[in-house]
């Protein structure tokens, strides 16, 4: 505690560092263990962030949360990252969605000096440069 005030933090669950085939009840146990640990240290957890996958929604329900909708802006970024990484997705009608379309749109906008209402910019196309570097004890992992 700093100057009599409780230490407050937010937890972020990153599936990249948790084995892929973990069940939601195992995640619940993991989260409960972490929450108990930080509580015992006098730390108040104010937020808990995850990517909104079905297993996370189930885990949250087991923890007592009633989630009606995941955070939309984050879900859009996850979709953008998937399309950018894979290059191609298909809509429910089987129509092609190509990442190249978005790259070309931004290229045309940049050349013309005008931007569409989508607010897409080069930084959205080059999103890999803006991914967060996870650090442990100051060392990138």
Protein backbone atom coordinates (compact mmCIF):
# COMPACT_ATOMS: atom_id res chain seq x y z
CA UNK A 1 0.00 0.00 0.00
CA UNK A 2 1.19 3.48 -0.84
CA UNK A 3 0.52 6.19 1.74
CA UNK A 4 -2.41 4.29 3.25
CA UNK A 5 -4.14 3.71 -0.08
CA UNK A 6 -4.79 0.19 -1.36
CA UNK A 7 -2.91 -0.95 -4.44
CA UNK A 8 -5.31 -1.37 -7.36
CA UNK A 9 -4.55 -3.34 -10.53
CA UNK A 10 -6.11 -4.90 -13.57
CA UNK A 11 -5.62 -8.49 -14.72
CA UNK A 12 -5.17 -9.39 -18.37
CA UNK A 13 -5.48 -13.00 -19.48
CA UNK A 14 -3.36 -13.73 -22.53
CA UNK A 15 -4.19 -17.09 -24.09
CA UNK A 16 -0.84 -17.19 -25.88
CA UNK A 17 0.79 -18.03 -22.56
CA UNK A 18 -1.81 -20.61 -21.50
CA UNK A 19 -1.88 -24.02 -23.13
CA UNK A 20 -4.42 -24.28 -25.93
CA UNK A 21 -6.64 -27.13 -24.76
CA UNK A 22 -7.37 -25.86 -21.28
CA UNK A 23 -11.01 -26.21 -20.16
CA UNK A 24 -12.96 -23.29 -18.75
CA UNK A 25 -13.14 -24.88 -15.28
CA UNK A 26 -9.33 -25.06 -15.28
CA UNK A 27 -9.24 -21.38 -16.22
CA UNK A 28 -11.65 -20.65 -13.37
CA UNK A 29 -9.27 -22.39 -10.94
CA UNK A 30 -6.31 -20.48 -12.38
CA UNK A 31 -8.08 -17.12 -12.08
CA UNK A 32 -9.30 -17.91 -8.55
CA UNK A 33 -5.74 -18.82 -7.54
CA UNK A 34 -4.39 -15.53 -8.91
CA UNK A 35 -7.21 -13.51 -7.33
CA UNK A 36 -6.66 -15.18 -3.95
CA UNK A 37 -2.92 -14.52 -4.16
CA UNK A 38 -3.28 -10.82 -4.96
CA UNK A 39 -6.05 -10.41 -2.37
CA UNK A 40 -3.79 -11.92 0.30
CA UNK A 41 -1.19 -9.29 -0.64
CA UNK A 42 -3.74 -6.50 -0.14
CA UNK A 43 -4.16 -5.76 -3.85
CA UNK A 44 -7.58 -4.82 -5.23
CA UNK A 45 -8.31 -6.13 -8.74
CA UNK A 46 -10.47 -3.55 -10.50
CA UNK A 47 -10.61 -5.02 -14.04
CA UNK A 48 -10.18 -8.37 -15.74
CA UNK A 49 -9.57 -8.32 -19.49
CA UNK A 50 -9.64 -11.21 -21.96
CA UNK A 51 -10.38 -11.65 -25.65
CA UNK A 52 -14.04 -12.70 -25.35
CA UNK A 53 -13.73 -16.22 -26.76
CA UNK A 54 -16.56 -18.61 -25.86
CA UNK A 55 -14.40 -20.36 -23.26
CA UNK A 56 -13.73 -16.99 -21.59
CA UNK A 57 -17.45 -16.18 -21.49
CA UNK A 58 -18.09 -19.59 -19.83
CA UNK A 59 -15.26 -18.98 -17.38
CA UNK A 60 -16.67 -15.56 -16.52
CA UNK A 61 -20.11 -17.03 -15.86
CA UNK A 62 -18.53 -19.53 -13.45
CA UNK A 63 -16.84 -16.61 -11.71
CA UNK A 64 -20.24 -14.92 -11.32
CA UNK A 65 -20.08 -12.35 -14.14
CA UNK A 66 -23.07 -11.75 -16.40
CA UNK A 67 -21.60 -10.75 -19.75
CA UNK A 68 -24.05 -9.84 -22.45
CA UNK A 69 -21.57 -8.54 -25.04
CA UNK A 70 -17.77 -8.52 -25.30
CA UNK A 71 -16.00 -5.21 -25.79
CA UNK A 72 -16.72 -4.36 -29.47
CA UNK A 73 -13.59 -2.33 -30.26
CA UNK A 74 -11.32 -5.13 -29.05
CA UNK A 75 -13.32 -7.72 -30.99
CA UNK A 76 -12.89 -5.64 -34.16
CA UNK A 77 -9.13 -5.50 -33.59
CA UNK A 78 -9.04 -9.28 -33.19
CA UNK A 79 -10.92 -9.66 -36.50
CA UNK A 80 -8.57 -7.18 -38.19
CA UNK A 81 -5.52 -9.04 -36.87
CA UNK A 82 -6.90 -12.38 -38.07
CA UNK A 83 -7.66 -11.04 -41.55
CA UNK A 84 -4.25 -9.34 -41.71
CA UNK A 85 -2.41 -12.47 -40.57
CA UNK A 86 -4.31 -14.88 -42.80
CA UNK A 87 -4.77 -12.56 -45.79
CA UNK A 88 -8.20 -13.98 -46.70
CA UNK A 89 -11.47 -14.69 -44.88
CA UNK A 90 -14.89 -15.71 -46.17
CA UNK A 91 -18.21 -14.19 -45.18
CA UNK A 92 -21.28 -16.32 -44.39
CA UNK A 93 -22.18 -16.40 -48.09
CA UNK A 94 -18.79 -17.76 -49.04
CA UNK A 95 -17.66 -14.45 -50.55
CA UNK A 96 -13.98 -13.57 -50.31
CA UNK A 97 -12.75 -10.84 -47.96
CA UNK A 98 -9.16 -9.99 -48.85
CA UNK A 99 -6.74 -8.02 -46.70
CA UNK A 100 -5.35 -6.62 -49.95
CA UNK A 101 -8.62 -4.66 -50.40
CA UNK A 102 -7.95 -2.76 -47.19
CA UNK A 103 -4.30 -2.20 -48.06
CA UNK A 104 -5.31 -0.80 -51.46
CA UNK A 105 -7.96 1.47 -49.89
CA UNK A 106 -5.38 2.99 -47.53
CA UNK A 107 -2.89 3.35 -50.38
CA UNK A 108 -5.45 5.23 -52.52
CA UNK A 109 -6.38 7.44 -49.55
CA UNK A 110 -2.73 8.26 -48.84
CA UNK A 111 -2.02 9.12 -52.49
CA UNK A 112 -5.13 11.32 -52.76
CA UNK A 113 -4.63 12.93 -49.36
CA UNK A 114 -8.26 12.17 -48.50
CA UNK A 115 -9.63 9.65 -46.04
CA UNK A 116 -12.92 7.78 -46.07
CA UNK A 117 -15.29 7.74 -43.12
CA UNK A 118 -13.83 4.37 -42.10
CA UNK A 119 -10.91 6.25 -40.51
CA UNK A 120 -8.52 3.54 -41.73
CA UNK A 121 -4.92 4.67 -41.80
CA UNK A 122 -1.51 3.12 -42.46
CA UNK A 123 -1.14 2.25 -38.77
CA UNK A 124 -4.18 -0.03 -39.06
CA UNK A 125 -2.56 -1.84 -41.99
CA UNK A 126 0.80 -2.04 -40.20
CA UNK A 127 -0.77 -3.19 -36.92
CA UNK A 128 2.06 -5.68 -36.24
CA UNK A 129 4.29 -2.75 -35.26
CA UNK A 130 1.83 -1.71 -32.56
CA UNK A 131 1.34 -5.04 -30.81
CA UNK A 132 2.20 -4.90 -27.13
CA UNK A 133 5.51 -6.43 -26.10
CA UNK A 134 4.92 -8.54 -23.00
CA UNK A 135 7.60 -8.03 -20.35
CA UNK A 136 8.49 -9.94 -17.23
CA UNK A 137 10.87 -8.18 -14.84
CA UNK A 138 11.69 -5.69 -17.60
CA UNK A 139 12.72 -8.40 -20.09
CA UNK A 140 10.66 -9.01 -23.29
CA UNK A 141 9.17 -12.51 -23.36
